[in-house]
Amino acid sequence: MAELKSLLETIAGLEALQDLDGLRATREQLLVEYPESESAVEAGYKVGLDLLFRARQLDLAVERFAAAAQSKHPFWSAAARTSLGLCYYHQRRSQKALFELRKVAYAKHVSGHSVTALAFIENIFATEGKQDDAARVRKDRIAQLEQLIAKDRSNTAAIGERGHYLYQLGLALKDSRDPERAHAVLQEAAGLGAVVLGAELHRSVVDALAYA
Protein backbone atom coordinates (compact mmCIF):
# COMPACT_ATOMS: atom_id res chain seq x y z
CA MET A 1 0.00 0.00 0.00
CA ALA A 2 1.35 3.40 -1.00
CA GLU A 3 1.49 6.18 1.58
CA LEU A 4 -1.27 8.77 1.27
CA LYS A 5 1.28 11.57 0.97
CA SER A 6 2.96 9.73 -1.91
CA LEU A 7 -0.35 9.28 -3.73
CA LEU A 8 -1.18 12.97 -3.33
CA GLU A 9 2.25 13.93 -4.69
CA THR A 10 1.70 11.61 -7.65
CA ILE A 11 -1.68 13.22 -8.31
CA ALA A 12 -0.12 16.69 -8.22
CA GLY A 13 2.50 15.60 -10.74
CA LEU A 14 -0.08 14.02 -13.04
CA GLU A 15 -2.20 17.18 -12.87
CA ALA A 16 0.80 19.21 -14.05
CA LEU A 17 1.25 16.77 -16.93
CA GLN A 18 -2.51 16.69 -17.65
CA ASP A 19 -2.32 12.89 -17.64
CA LEU A 20 -6.04 12.14 -17.36
CA ASP A 21 -5.71 8.35 -17.47
CA GLY A 22 -3.02 8.43 -14.79
CA LEU A 23 -5.10 10.76 -12.63
CA ARG A 24 -8.13 8.51 -12.82
CA ALA A 25 -6.10 5.41 -11.94
CA THR A 26 -4.27 7.06 -9.03
CA ARG A 27 -7.45 8.58 -7.59
CA GLU A 28 -9.17 5.20 -7.78
CA GLN A 29 -6.18 3.68 -5.97
CA LEU A 30 -6.52 6.34 -3.26
CA LEU A 31 -10.23 5.54 -2.92
CA VAL A 32 -9.45 1.86 -2.37
CA GLU A 33 -6.53 2.32 0.02
CA TYR A 34 -7.72 5.37 2.02
CA PRO A 35 -11.53 5.39 1.69
CA GLU A 36 -12.10 7.25 4.98
CA SER A 37 -9.64 10.08 4.32
CA GLU A 38 -10.70 13.61 3.41
CA SER A 39 -8.62 13.29 0.26
CA ALA A 40 -10.84 10.40 -0.81
CA VAL A 41 -13.85 12.73 -1.00
CA GLU A 42 -12.07 14.99 -3.48
CA ALA A 43 -10.77 11.98 -5.38
CA GLY A 44 -14.23 10.43 -5.60
CA TYR A 45 -15.75 13.65 -6.86
CA LYS A 46 -13.07 14.08 -9.52
CA VAL A 47 -13.35 10.46 -10.63
CA GLY A 48 -17.06 11.16 -10.99
CA LEU A 49 -16.31 14.13 -13.24
CA ASP A 50 -14.00 11.96 -15.34
CA LEU A 51 -16.68 9.30 -15.67
CA LEU A 52 -19.27 11.90 -16.61
CA PHE A 53 -17.40 14.08 -19.09
CA ARG A 54 -14.65 11.86 -20.48
CA ALA A 55 -15.97 8.31 -20.22
CA ARG A 56 -19.62 9.36 -20.70
CA GLN A 57 -20.73 6.84 -18.06
CA LEU A 58 -23.55 8.69 -16.34
CA ASP A 59 -24.71 5.88 -14.06
CA LEU A 60 -21.20 5.26 -12.70
CA ALA A 61 -20.70 9.00 -12.22
CA VAL A 62 -23.89 9.09 -10.15
CA GLU A 63 -22.47 6.39 -7.87
CA ARG A 64 -19.26 8.35 -7.30
CA PHE A 65 -21.04 11.64 -6.70
CA ALA A 66 -23.52 10.03 -4.29
CA ALA A 67 -20.70 8.50 -2.24
CA ALA A 68 -18.76 11.77 -2.10
CA ALA A 69 -21.90 13.71 -1.17
CA GLN A 70 -22.50 11.45 1.83
CA SER A 71 -19.02 12.09 3.24
CA LYS A 72 -19.90 15.52 4.72
CA HIS A 73 -16.74 17.24 3.51
CA PRO A 74 -17.35 21.02 3.82
CA PHE A 75 -16.28 21.71 0.22
CA TRP A 76 -16.12 18.58 -1.92
CA SER A 77 -19.34 17.00 -0.67
CA ALA A 78 -21.30 20.10 -1.69
CA ALA A 79 -19.64 20.04 -5.12
CA ALA A 80 -20.48 16.35 -5.47
CA ARG A 81 -24.10 16.84 -4.40
CA THR A 82 -24.54 19.64 -6.94
CA SER A 83 -23.19 17.40 -9.70
CA LEU A 84 -25.37 14.55 -8.43
CA GLY A 85 -28.46 16.73 -8.75
CA LEU A 86 -27.59 17.61 -12.34
CA CYS A 87 -27.00 13.96 -13.19
CA TYR A 88 -30.41 13.04 -11.79
CA TYR A 89 -31.97 15.75 -13.94
CA HIS A 90 -30.32 14.30 -17.04
CA GLN A 91 -31.70 10.92 -16.01
CA ARG A 92 -35.16 12.58 -16.08
CA ARG A 93 -35.49 12.27 -12.29
CA SER A 94 -36.49 15.90 -11.80
CA GLN A 95 -37.84 15.70 -8.25
CA LYS A 96 -34.78 13.83 -7.00
CA ALA A 97 -32.58 16.38 -8.78
CA LEU A 98 -34.34 19.29 -7.11
CA PHE A 99 -34.16 17.55 -3.73
CA GLU A 100 -30.37 17.21 -3.92
CA LEU A 101 -29.83 20.70 -5.32
CA ARG A 102 -31.96 22.27 -2.59
CA LYS A 103 -29.79 20.64 0.06
CA VAL A 104 -26.85 22.62 -1.30
CA ALA A 105 -28.76 25.78 -2.23
CA TYR A 106 -30.30 26.25 1.20
CA ALA A 107 -27.46 24.97 3.36
CA LYS A 108 -26.69 26.67 6.66
CA HIS A 109 -23.90 28.77 5.16
CA VAL A 110 -24.02 30.68 1.88
CA SER A 111 -21.22 29.67 -0.49
CA GLY A 112 -20.19 29.49 -4.10
CA HIS A 113 -21.76 26.04 -4.16
CA SER A 114 -25.11 27.31 -2.87
CA VAL A 115 -25.43 30.05 -5.51
CA THR A 116 -24.43 27.56 -8.20
CA ALA A 117 -27.10 25.13 -7.01
CA LEU A 118 -29.68 27.94 -7.01
CA ALA A 119 -28.72 28.80 -10.60
CA PHE A 120 -29.32 25.20 -11.64
CA ILE A 121 -32.68 25.07 -9.84
CA GLU A 122 -33.68 28.31 -11.53
CA ASN A 123 -32.72 26.89 -14.93
CA ILE A 124 -34.71 23.71 -14.30
CA PHE A 125 -37.83 25.70 -13.43
CA ALA A 126 -37.36 27.98 -16.44
CA THR A 127 -36.90 24.99 -18.76
CA GLU A 128 -40.08 23.43 -17.41
CA GLY A 129 -42.00 26.68 -17.96
CA LYS A 130 -42.41 27.41 -14.25
CA GLN A 131 -41.50 31.08 -14.50
CA ASP A 132 -42.90 32.12 -11.11
CA ASP A 133 -40.81 29.47 -9.37
CA ALA A 134 -37.76 30.49 -11.40
CA ALA A 135 -38.24 34.14 -10.40
CA ARG A 136 -38.56 33.18 -6.72
CA VAL A 137 -35.34 31.17 -6.82
CA ARG A 138 -33.58 33.97 -8.69
CA LYS A 139 -34.52 36.33 -5.87
CA ASP A 140 -32.91 33.94 -3.39
CA ARG A 141 -29.82 33.71 -5.58
CA ILE A 142 -29.52 37.49 -5.78
CA ALA A 143 -29.70 37.71 -1.98
CA GLN A 144 -26.99 35.07 -1.57
CA LEU A 145 -24.73 36.72 -4.15
CA GLU A 146 -25.08 40.02 -2.33
CA GLN A 147 -24.02 38.31 0.91
CA LEU A 148 -20.96 36.76 -0.73
CA ILE A 149 -19.94 40.05 -2.34
CA ALA A 150 -20.30 41.92 0.95
CA LYS A 151 -18.17 39.29 2.68
CA ASP A 152 -15.48 39.43 -0.01
CA ARG A 153 -15.18 43.22 0.16
CA SER A 154 -13.27 42.83 3.43
CA ASN A 155 -10.95 40.22 1.93
CA THR A 156 -8.52 41.62 -0.62
CA ALA A 157 -7.30 38.12 -1.43
CA ALA A 158 -10.79 37.27 -2.73
CA ILE A 159 -11.03 40.14 -5.20
CA GLY A 160 -11.09 37.85 -8.24
CA GLU A 161 -13.82 35.75 -6.67
CA ARG A 162 -15.79 38.92 -5.97
CA GLY A 163 -15.57 39.83 -9.65
CA HIS A 164 -17.11 36.48 -10.57
CA TYR A 165 -19.96 37.01 -8.11
CA LEU A 166 -20.53 40.57 -9.37
CA TYR A 167 -20.86 39.23 -12.91
CA GLN A 168 -23.38 36.60 -11.81
CA LEU A 169 -25.31 39.22 -9.83
CA GLY A 170 -25.39 41.60 -12.78
CA LEU A 171 -26.88 38.93 -15.04
CA ALA A 172 -29.42 37.92 -12.39
CA LEU A 173 -30.50 41.55 -11.98
CA LYS A 174 -30.88 41.86 -15.75
CA ASP A 175 -33.12 38.79 -15.74
CA SER A 176 -35.09 40.37 -12.89
CA ARG A 177 -35.62 43.49 -15.05
CA ASP A 178 -33.61 45.76 -12.80
CA PRO A 179 -31.35 47.38 -15.43
CA GLU A 180 -30.05 50.24 -13.27
CA ARG A 181 -28.71 47.96 -10.55
CA ALA A 182 -27.45 45.48 -13.14
CA HIS A 183 -25.49 48.22 -14.90
CA ALA A 184 -23.95 49.47 -11.65
CA VAL A 185 -22.91 45.97 -10.58
CA LEU A 186 -21.42 45.11 -13.97
CA GLN A 187 -19.55 48.42 -14.02
CA GLU A 188 -18.00 47.55 -10.67
CA ALA A 189 -16.97 44.16 -12.03
CA ALA A 190 -15.50 45.69 -15.20
CA GLY A 191 -13.57 48.16 -13.07
CA LEU A 192 -11.58 45.31 -11.52
CA GLY A 193 -9.86 44.90 -14.88
CA ALA A 194 -8.74 41.98 -17.01
CA VAL A 195 -5.72 41.19 -14.83
CA VAL A 196 -7.90 40.50 -11.80
CA LEU A 197 -10.86 38.93 -13.61
CA GLY A 198 -8.95 37.05 -16.27
CA ALA A 199 -9.34 37.83 -19.96
CA GLU A 200 -12.34 35.56 -20.58
CA LEU A 201 -14.44 36.76 -17.63
CA HIS A 202 -13.53 40.39 -18.30
CA ARG A 203 -14.71 40.03 -21.90
CA SER A 204 -17.99 38.48 -20.70
CA VAL A 205 -18.50 41.35 -18.23
CA VAL A 206 -17.87 43.97 -20.93
CA ASP A 207 -20.27 42.21 -23.31
CA ALA A 208 -22.97 42.03 -20.62
CA LEU A 209 -22.42 45.68 -19.76
CA ALA A 210 -23.02 46.68 -23.38
CA TYR A 211 -26.56 45.30 -23.13
CA ALA A 212 -27.31 46.22 -19.52
C-alpha atoms as a PDB file:
ATOM      1  CA  MET A   1       0.000   0.000   0.000  1.00  0.00           C
ATOM      2  CA  ALA A   2       1.355   3.399  -0.998  1.00  0.00           C
ATOM      3  CA  GLU A   3       1.492   6.176   1.580  1.00  0.00           C
ATOM      4  CA  LEU A   4      -1.274   8.768   1.270  1.00  0.00           C
ATOM      5  CA  LYS A   5       1.280  11.567   0.968  1.00  0.00           C
ATOM      6  CA  SER A   6       2.960   9.733  -1.906  1.00  0.00           C
ATOM      7  CA  LEU A   7      -0.348   9.284  -3.728  1.00  0.00           C
ATOM      8  CA  LEU A   8      -1.176  12.974  -3.334  1.00  0.00           C
ATOM      9  CA  GLU A   9       2.253  13.928  -4.687  1.00  0.00           C
ATOM     10  CA  THR A  10       1.700  11.611  -7.647  1.00  0.00           C
ATOM     11  CA  ILE A  11      -1.681  13.223  -8.311  1.00  0.00           C
ATOM     12  CA  ALA A  12      -0.121  16.691  -8.224  1.00  0.00           C
ATOM     13  CA  GLY A  13       2.500  15.603 -10.744  1.00  0.00           C
ATOM     14  CA  LEU A  14      -0.082  14.021 -13.038  1.00  0.00           C
ATOM     15  CA  GLU A  15      -2.197  17.184 -12.874  1.00  0.00           C
ATOM     16  CA  ALA A  16       0.800  19.210 -14.046  1.00  0.00           C
ATOM     17  CA  LEU A  17       1.249  16.766 -16.935  1.00  0.00           C
ATOM     18  CA  GLN A  18      -2.507  16.690 -17.647  1.00  0.00           C
ATOM     19  CA  ASP A  19      -2.316  12.888 -17.644  1.00  0.00           C
ATOM     20  CA  LEU A  20      -6.039  12.144 -17.363  1.00  0.00           C
ATOM     21  CA  ASP A  21      -5.705   8.353 -17.470  1.00  0.00           C
ATOM     22  CA  GLY A  22      -3.024   8.431 -14.794  1.00  0.00           C
ATOM     23  CA  LEU A  23      -5.097  10.764 -12.626  1.00  0.00           C
ATOM     24  CA  ARG A  24      -8.129   8.512 -12.820  1.00  0.00           C
ATOM     25  CA  ALA A  25      -6.096   5.410 -11.936  1.00  0.00           C
ATOM     26  CA  THR A  26      -4.274   7.064  -9.029  1.00  0.00           C
ATOM     27  CA  ARG A  27      -7.447   8.578  -7.594  1.00  0.00           C
ATOM     28  CA  GLU A  28      -9.170   5.204  -7.777  1.00  0.00           C
ATOM     29  CA  GLN A  29      -6.179   3.681  -5.965  1.00  0.00           C
ATOM     30  CA  LEU A  30      -6.520   6.338  -3.263  1.00  0.00           C
ATOM     31  CA  LEU A  31     -10.227   5.538  -2.919  1.00  0.00           C
ATOM     32  CA  VAL A  32      -9.450   1.858  -2.374  1.00  0.00           C
ATOM     33  CA  GLU A  33      -6.530   2.322   0.024  1.00  0.00           C
ATOM     34  CA  TYR A  34      -7.716   5.365   2.017  1.00  0.00           C
ATOM     35  CA  PRO A  35     -11.526   5.388   1.690  1.00  0.00           C
ATOM     36  CA  GLU A  36     -12.100   7.248   4.975  1.00  0.00           C
ATOM     37  CA  SER A  37      -9.643  10.078   4.316  1.00  0.00           C
ATOM     38  CA  GLU A  38     -10.700  13.611   3.408  1.00  0.00           C
ATOM     39  CA  SER A  39      -8.615  13.286   0.262  1.00  0.00           C
ATOM     40  CA  ALA A  40     -10.840  10.397  -0.808  1.00  0.00           C
ATOM     41  CA  VAL A  41     -13.846  12.728  -1.005  1.00  0.00           C
ATOM     42  CA  GLU A  42     -12.074  14.987  -3.481  1.00  0.00           C
ATOM     43  CA  ALA A  43     -10.765  11.975  -5.382  1.00  0.00           C
ATOM     44  CA  GLY A  44     -14.230  10.426  -5.595  1.00  0.00           C
ATOM     45  CA  TYR A  45     -15.747  13.652  -6.860  1.00  0.00           C
ATOM     46  CA  LYS A  46     -13.070  14.075  -9.520  1.00  0.00           C
ATOM     47  CA  VAL A  47     -13.350  10.456 -10.628  1.00  0.00           C
ATOM     48  CA  GLY A  48     -17.065  11.161 -10.985  1.00  0.00           C
ATOM     49  CA  LEU A  49     -16.308  14.131 -13.239  1.00  0.00           C
ATOM     50  CA  ASP A  50     -14.004  11.962 -15.340  1.00  0.00           C
ATOM     51  CA  LEU A  51     -16.684   9.295 -15.667  1.00  0.00           C
ATOM     52  CA  LEU A  52     -19.266  11.901 -16.614  1.00  0.00           C
ATOM     53  CA  PHE A  53     -17.395  14.084 -19.087  1.00  0.00           C
ATOM     54  CA  ARG A  54     -14.646  11.859 -20.478  1.00  0.00           C
ATOM     55  CA  ALA A  55     -15.968   8.312 -20.221  1.00  0.00           C
ATOM     56  CA  ARG A  56     -19.623   9.362 -20.698  1.00  0.00           C
ATOM     57  CA  GLN A  57     -20.730   6.845 -18.062  1.00  0.00           C
ATOM     58  CA  LEU A  58     -23.553   8.692 -16.345  1.00  0.00           C
ATOM     59  CA  ASP A  59     -24.706   5.876 -14.062  1.00  0.00           C
ATOM     60  CA  LEU A  60     -21.200   5.261 -12.704  1.00  0.00           C
ATOM     61  CA  ALA A  61     -20.696   8.998 -12.222  1.00  0.00           C
ATOM     62  CA  VAL A  62     -23.885   9.089 -10.150  1.00  0.00           C
ATOM     63  CA  GLU A  63     -22.474   6.391  -7.866  1.00  0.00           C
ATOM     64  CA  ARG A  64     -19.264   8.348  -7.296  1.00  0.00           C
ATOM     65  CA  PHE A  65     -21.044  11.641  -6.698  1.00  0.00           C
ATOM     66  CA  ALA A  66     -23.516  10.031  -4.293  1.00  0.00           C
ATOM     67  CA  ALA A  67     -20.702   8.497  -2.238  1.00  0.00           C
ATOM     68  CA  ALA A  68     -18.764  11.769  -2.096  1.00  0.00           C
ATOM     69  CA  ALA A  69     -21.905  13.711  -1.171  1.00  0.00           C
ATOM     70  CA  GLN A  70     -22.500  11.447   1.828  1.00  0.00           C
ATOM     71  CA  SER A  71     -19.022  12.088   3.235  1.00  0.00           C
ATOM     72  CA  LYS A  72     -19.900  15.515   4.722  1.00  0.00           C
ATOM     73  CA  HIS A  73     -16.740  17.244   3.514  1.00  0.00           C
ATOM     74  CA  PRO A  74     -17.352  21.024   3.820  1.00  0.00           C
ATOM     75  CA  PHE A  75     -16.277  21.707   0.221  1.00  0.00           C
ATOM     76  CA  TRP A  76     -16.119  18.582  -1.915  1.00  0.00           C
ATOM     77  CA  SER A  77     -19.344  17.004  -0.671  1.00  0.00           C
ATOM     78  CA  ALA A  78     -21.297  20.104  -1.694  1.00  0.00           C
ATOM     79  CA  ALA A  79     -19.641  20.042  -5.115  1.00  0.00           C
ATOM     80  CA  ALA A  80     -20.483  16.349  -5.469  1.00  0.00           C
ATOM     81  CA  ARG A  81     -24.104  16.836  -4.401  1.00  0.00           C
ATOM     82  CA  THR A  82     -24.537  19.638  -6.939  1.00  0.00           C
ATOM     83  CA  SER A  83     -23.194  17.396  -9.698  1.00  0.00           C
ATOM     84  CA  LEU A  84     -25.373  14.551  -8.429  1.00  0.00           C
ATOM     85  CA  GLY A  85     -28.461  16.734  -8.755  1.00  0.00           C
ATOM     86  CA  LEU A  86     -27.587  17.612 -12.339  1.00  0.00           C
ATOM     87  CA  CYS A  87     -27.002  13.957 -13.189  1.00  0.00           C
ATOM     88  CA  TYR A  88     -30.410  13.044 -11.785  1.00  0.00           C
ATOM     89  CA  TYR A  89     -31.967  15.745 -13.937  1.00  0.00           C
ATOM     90  CA  HIS A  90     -30.321  14.300 -17.043  1.00  0.00           C
ATOM     91  CA  GLN A  91     -31.703  10.918 -16.008  1.00  0.00           C
ATOM     92  CA  ARG A  92     -35.160  12.578 -16.078  1.00  0.00           C
ATOM     93  CA  ARG A  93     -35.493  12.271 -12.288  1.00  0.00           C
ATOM     94  CA  SER A  94     -36.488  15.903 -11.795  1.00  0.00           C
ATOM     95  CA  GLN A  95     -37.841  15.697  -8.255  1.00  0.00           C
ATOM     96  CA  LYS A  96     -34.783  13.828  -7.003  1.00  0.00           C
ATOM     97  CA  ALA A  97     -32.575  16.377  -8.780  1.00  0.00           C
ATOM     98  CA  LEU A  98     -34.337  19.293  -7.106  1.00  0.00           C
ATOM     99  CA  PHE A  99     -34.164  17.551  -3.725  1.00  0.00           C
ATOM    100  CA  GLU A 100     -30.372  17.206  -3.915  1.00  0.00           C
ATOM    101  CA  LEU A 101     -29.829  20.695  -5.321  1.00  0.00           C
ATOM    102  CA  ARG A 102     -31.965  22.273  -2.594  1.00  0.00           C
ATOM    103  CA  LYS A 103     -29.786  20.636   0.062  1.00  0.00           C
ATOM    104  CA  VAL A 104     -26.853  22.622  -1.299  1.00  0.00           C
ATOM    105  CA  ALA A 105     -28.760  25.775  -2.234  1.00  0.00           C
ATOM    106  CA  TYR A 106     -30.295  26.255   1.202  1.00  0.00           C
ATOM    107  CA  ALA A 107     -27.457  24.969   3.360  1.00  0.00           C
ATOM    108  CA  LYS A 108     -26.691  26.665   6.664  1.00  0.00           C
ATOM    109  CA  HIS A 109     -23.895  28.766   5.164  1.00  0.00           C
ATOM    110  CA  VAL A 110     -24.020  30.677   1.883  1.00  0.00           C
ATOM    111  CA  SER A 111     -21.219  29.670  -0.491  1.00  0.00           C
ATOM    112  CA  GLY A 112     -20.189  29.492  -4.100  1.00  0.00           C
ATOM    113  CA  HIS A 113     -21.760  26.038  -4.158  1.00  0.00           C
ATOM    114  CA  SER A 114     -25.106  27.309  -2.868  1.00  0.00           C
ATOM    115  CA  VAL A 115     -25.431  30.050  -5.506  1.00  0.00           C
ATOM    116  CA  THR A 116     -24.433  27.558  -8.204  1.00  0.00           C
ATOM    117  CA  ALA A 117     -27.100  25.126  -7.014  1.00  0.00           C
ATOM    118  CA  LEU A 118     -29.678  27.936  -7.015  1.00  0.00           C
ATOM    119  CA  ALA A 119     -28.721  28.797 -10.600  1.00  0.00           C
ATOM    120  CA  PHE A 120     -29.325  25.197 -11.643  1.00  0.00           C
ATOM    121  CA  ILE A 121     -32.680  25.066  -9.835  1.00  0.00           C
ATOM    122  CA  GLU A 122     -33.681  28.311 -11.531  1.00  0.00           C
ATOM    123  CA  ASN A 123     -32.724  26.886 -14.934  1.00  0.00           C
ATOM    124  CA  ILE A 124     -34.709  23.711 -14.298  1.00  0.00           C
ATOM    125  CA  PHE A 125     -37.832  25.697 -13.433  1.00  0.00           C
ATOM    126  CA  ALA A 126     -37.355  27.983 -16.442  1.00  0.00           C
ATOM    127  CA  THR A 127     -36.895  24.988 -18.759  1.00  0.00           C
ATOM    128  CA  GLU A 128     -40.079  23.432 -17.406  1.00  0.00           C
ATOM    129  CA  GLY A 129     -42.005  26.678 -17.963  1.00  0.00           C
ATOM    130  CA  LYS A 130     -42.412  27.413 -14.246  1.00  0.00           C
ATOM    131  CA  GLN A 131     -41.499  31.083 -14.499  1.00  0.00           C
ATOM    132  CA  ASP A 132     -42.901  32.123 -11.108  1.00  0.00           C
ATOM    133  CA  ASP A 133     -40.810  29.468  -9.375  1.00  0.00           C
ATOM    134  CA  ALA A 134     -37.763  30.490 -11.404  1.00  0.00           C
ATOM    135  CA  ALA A 135     -38.238  34.136 -10.397  1.00  0.00           C
ATOM    136  CA  ARG A 136     -38.556  33.182  -6.718  1.00  0.00           C
ATOM    137  CA  VAL A 137     -35.340  31.169  -6.816  1.00  0.00           C
ATOM    138  CA  ARG A 138     -33.581  33.974  -8.695  1.00  0.00           C
ATOM    139  CA  LYS A 139     -34.524  36.332  -5.872  1.00  0.00           C
ATOM    140  CA  ASP A 140     -32.909  33.943  -3.389  1.00  0.00           C
ATOM    141  CA  ARG A 141     -29.818  33.708  -5.582  1.00  0.00           C
ATOM    142  CA  ILE A 142     -29.519  37.494  -5.775  1.00  0.00           C
ATOM    143  CA  ALA A 143     -29.702  37.708  -1.978  1.00  0.00           C
ATOM    144  CA  GLN A 144     -26.990  35.067  -1.572  1.00  0.00           C
ATOM    145  CA  LEU A 145     -24.728  36.716  -4.147  1.00  0.00           C
ATOM    146  CA  GLU A 146     -25.075  40.023  -2.325  1.00  0.00           C
ATOM    147  CA  GLN A 147     -24.018  38.306   0.913  1.00  0.00           C
ATOM    148  CA  LEU A 148     -20.963  36.756  -0.734  1.00  0.00           C
ATOM    149  CA  ILE A 149     -19.941  40.045  -2.339  1.00  0.00           C
ATOM    150  CA  ALA A 150     -20.299  41.920   0.952  1.00  0.00           C
ATOM    151  CA  LYS A 151     -18.169  39.290   2.682  1.00  0.00           C
ATOM    152  CA  ASP A 152     -15.479  39.427  -0.006  1.00  0.00           C
ATOM    153  CA  ARG A 153     -15.180  43.224   0.162  1.00  0.00           C
ATOM    154  CA  SER A 154     -13.272  42.831   3.427  1.00  0.00           C
ATOM    155  CA  ASN A 155     -10.945  40.216   1.932  1.00  0.00           C
ATOM    156  CA  THR A 156      -8.519  41.621  -0.623  1.00  0.00           C
ATOM    157  CA  ALA A 157      -7.303  38.117  -1.435  1.00  0.00           C
ATOM    158  CA  ALA A 158     -10.789  37.268  -2.732  1.00  0.00           C
ATOM    159  CA  ILE A 159     -11.034  40.144  -5.199  1.00  0.00           C
ATOM    160  CA  GLY A 160     -11.088  37.849  -8.239  1.00  0.00           C
ATOM    161  CA  GLU A 161     -13.815  35.750  -6.671  1.00  0.00           C
ATOM    162  CA  ARG A 162     -15.790  38.921  -5.973  1.00  0.00           C
ATOM    163  CA  GLY A 163     -15.575  39.825  -9.653  1.00  0.00           C
ATOM    164  CA  HIS A 164     -17.106  36.480 -10.568  1.00  0.00           C
ATOM    165  CA  TYR A 165     -19.963  37.012  -8.107  1.00  0.00           C
ATOM    166  CA  LEU A 166     -20.527  40.568  -9.371  1.00  0.00           C
ATOM    167  CA  TYR A 167     -20.857  39.227 -12.905  1.00  0.00           C
ATOM    168  CA  GLN A 168     -23.383  36.605 -11.813  1.00  0.00           C
ATOM    169  CA  LEU A 169     -25.308  39.217  -9.830  1.00  0.00           C
ATOM    170  CA  GLY A 170     -25.389  41.599 -12.780  1.00  0.00           C
ATOM    171  CA  LEU A 171     -26.875  38.927 -15.035  1.00  0.00           C
ATOM    172  CA  ALA A 172     -29.418  37.922 -12.390  1.00  0.00           C
ATOM    173  CA  LEU A 173     -30.505  41.546 -11.976  1.00  0.00           C
ATOM    174  CA  LYS A 174     -30.877  41.856 -15.751  1.00  0.00           C
ATOM    175  CA  ASP A 175     -33.120  38.786 -15.743  1.00  0.00           C
ATOM    176  CA  SER A 176     -35.094  40.373 -12.893  1.00  0.00           C
ATOM    177  CA  ARG A 177     -35.617  43.487 -15.045  1.00  0.00           C
ATOM    178  CA  ASP A 178     -33.605  45.760 -12.797  1.00  0.00           C
ATOM    179  CA  PRO A 179     -31.350  47.378 -15.427  1.00  0.00           C
ATOM    180  CA  GLU A 180     -30.052  50.235 -13.273  1.00  0.00           C
ATOM    181  CA  ARG A 181     -28.706  47.964 -10.545  1.00  0.00           C
ATOM    182  CA  ALA A 182     -27.449  45.483 -13.136  1.00  0.00           C
ATOM    183  CA  HIS A 183     -25.491  48.223 -14.900  1.00  0.00           C
ATOM    184  CA  ALA A 184     -23.952  49.470 -11.646  1.00  0.00           C
ATOM    185  CA  VAL A 185     -22.906  45.969 -10.577  1.00  0.00           C
ATOM    186  CA  LEU A 186     -21.417  45.111 -13.971  1.00  0.00           C
ATOM    187  CA  GLN A 187     -19.547  48.418 -14.020  1.00  0.00           C
ATOM    188  CA  GLU A 188     -17.998  47.546 -10.667  1.00  0.00           C
ATOM    189  CA  ALA A 189     -16.968  44.157 -12.032  1.00  0.00           C
ATOM    190  CA  ALA A 190     -15.496  45.687 -15.197  1.00  0.00           C
ATOM    191  CA  GLY A 191     -13.567  48.162 -13.066  1.00  0.00           C
ATOM    192  CA  LEU A 192     -11.583  45.312 -11.523  1.00  0.00           C
ATOM    193  CA  GLY A 193      -9.855  44.896 -14.884  1.00  0.00           C
ATOM    194  CA  ALA A 194      -8.744  41.976 -17.012  1.00  0.00           C
ATOM    195  CA  VAL A 195      -5.721  41.189 -14.831  1.00  0.00           C
ATOM    196  CA  VAL A 196      -7.904  40.497 -11.798  1.00  0.00           C
ATOM    197  CA  LEU A 197     -10.856  38.927 -13.611  1.00  0.00           C
ATOM    198  CA  GLY A 198      -8.951  37.052 -16.271  1.00  0.00           C
ATOM    199  CA  ALA A 199      -9.343  37.831 -19.956  1.00  0.00           C
ATOM    200  CA  GLU A 200     -12.340  35.564 -20.579  1.00  0.00           C
ATOM    201  CA  LEU A 201     -14.439  36.756 -17.633  1.00  0.00           C
ATOM    202  CA  HIS A 202     -13.533  40.392 -18.298  1.00  0.00           C
ATOM    203  CA  ARG A 203     -14.707  40.028 -21.898  1.00  0.00           C
ATOM    204  CA  SER A 204     -17.986  38.482 -20.699  1.00  0.00           C
ATOM    205  CA  VAL A 205     -18.503  41.350 -18.235  1.00  0.00           C
ATOM    206  CA  VAL A 206     -17.868  43.970 -20.930  1.00  0.00           C
ATOM    207  CA  ASP A 207     -20.267  42.209 -23.311  1.00  0.00           C
ATOM    208  CA  ALA A 208     -22.967  42.029 -20.623  1.00  0.00           C
ATOM    209  CA  LEU A 209     -22.419  45.683 -19.762  1.00  0.00           C
ATOM    210  CA  ALA A 210     -23.021  46.682 -23.376  1.00  0.00           C
ATOM    211  CA  TYR A 211     -26.555  45.303 -23.134  1.00  0.00           C
ATOM    212  CA  ALA A 212     -27.310  46.220 -19.520  1.00  0.00           C
END
